[in-house]
Structure formats: C-alpha cells, structure tokens
C-alpha cells in the first residue's frame, strides 16, 4: 500500500493536493481534492 499524499504536495508542477477524500477498495486507491495551478479558478476531485 502506498502512503497517503500530504496536503500541499505539488504534482507535475500543476496540481496541489488539498485533502484526501477517503479510501477505495482495500486501501489501494485514495481520491484527492486538488487545485489546478494552471487552470483558472479550478478545483478538481481526482
């Protein structure tokens, strides 16, 4: 199992992790709420 990504982590110099939204099946996937730095006024759940 991979460790959870910490809030504030920047991915690909574009997506900033805001918070984990929960856990998927068997803890293998974790959806995150992220902010897109290169998109105008854009927040995503991924």
C-alpha atoms as a PDB file:
ATOM      1  CA  UNK A   1       0.000   0.000   0.000  1.00  0.00           C
ATOM      2  CA  UNK A   2       1.339   3.427  -0.951  1.00  0.00           C
ATOM      3  CA  UNK A   3       1.455   6.180   1.685  1.00  0.00           C
ATOM      4  CA  UNK A   4      -1.135   8.952   1.577  1.00  0.00           C
ATOM      5  CA  UNK A   5      -0.076  12.152  -0.228  1.00  0.00           C
ATOM      6  CA  UNK A   6       0.220  15.088   2.183  1.00  0.00           C
ATOM      7  CA  UNK A   7      -1.848  18.262   1.690  1.00  0.00           C
ATOM      8  CA  UNK A   8       0.222  20.945  -0.047  1.00  0.00           C
ATOM      9  CA  UNK A   9       2.131  18.422  -2.187  1.00  0.00           C
ATOM     10  CA  UNK A  10       2.599  19.697  -5.759  1.00  0.00           C
ATOM     11  CA  UNK A  11       2.305  17.102  -8.543  1.00  0.00           C
ATOM     12  CA  UNK A  12       3.724  17.744 -12.041  1.00  0.00           C
ATOM     13  CA  UNK A  13       4.189  21.403 -11.056  1.00  0.00           C
ATOM     14  CA  UNK A  14       0.446  21.779 -11.664  1.00  0.00           C
ATOM     15  CA  UNK A  15      -1.812  20.009  -9.156  1.00  0.00           C
ATOM     16  CA  UNK A  16      -1.683  20.889  -5.465  1.00  0.00           C
ATOM     17  CA  UNK A  17      -3.196  18.345  -3.085  1.00  0.00           C
ATOM     18  CA  UNK A  18      -5.800  19.919  -0.802  1.00  0.00           C
ATOM     19  CA  UNK A  19      -7.077  16.877   1.105  1.00  0.00           C
ATOM     20  CA  UNK A  20      -7.775  13.158   0.866  1.00  0.00           C
ATOM     21  CA  UNK A  21     -11.471  12.414   0.321  1.00  0.00           C
ATOM     22  CA  UNK A  22     -11.496   8.853   1.611  1.00  0.00           C
ATOM     23  CA  UNK A  23     -10.190   5.402   0.741  1.00  0.00           C
ATOM     24  CA  UNK A  24     -11.085   2.991  -2.031  1.00  0.00           C
ATOM     25  CA  UNK A  25     -11.253  -0.790  -2.022  1.00  0.00           C
ATOM     26  CA  UNK A  26      -8.741  -2.447   0.279  1.00  0.00           C
ATOM     27  CA  UNK A  27      -6.930   0.888   0.715  1.00  0.00           C
ATOM     28  CA  UNK A  28      -5.445   0.664  -2.792  1.00  0.00           C
ATOM     29  CA  UNK A  29      -6.878   3.921  -4.089  1.00  0.00           C
ATOM     30  CA  UNK A  30      -7.388   7.248  -2.372  1.00  0.00           C
ATOM     31  CA  UNK A  31      -9.306  10.054  -4.122  1.00  0.00           C
ATOM     32  CA  UNK A  32      -7.970  13.563  -3.520  1.00  0.00           C
ATOM     33  CA  UNK A  33      -9.362  17.079  -3.762  1.00  0.00           C
ATOM     34  CA  UNK A  34      -6.783  19.078  -5.734  1.00  0.00           C
ATOM     35  CA  UNK A  35      -6.269  22.613  -7.014  1.00  0.00           C
ATOM     36  CA  UNK A  36      -5.035  23.056 -10.601  1.00  0.00           C
ATOM     37  CA  UNK A  37      -2.392  25.812 -10.642  1.00  0.00           C
ATOM     38  CA  UNK A  38      -2.535  26.284 -14.417  1.00  0.00           C
ATOM     39  CA  UNK A  39      -6.349  26.360 -14.704  1.00  0.00           C
ATOM     40  CA  UNK A  40      -8.326  29.467 -13.841  1.00  0.00           C
ATOM     41  CA  UNK A  41     -10.413  29.040 -10.691  1.00  0.00           C
ATOM     42  CA  UNK A  42     -10.310  25.282 -10.914  1.00  0.00           C
ATOM     43  CA  UNK A  43     -10.602  22.687  -8.187  1.00  0.00           C
ATOM     44  CA  UNK A  44     -10.852  19.005  -9.050  1.00  0.00           C
ATOM     45  CA  UNK A  45     -11.580  15.725  -7.350  1.00  0.00           C
ATOM     46  CA  UNK A  46      -9.314  13.032  -8.662  1.00  0.00           C
END
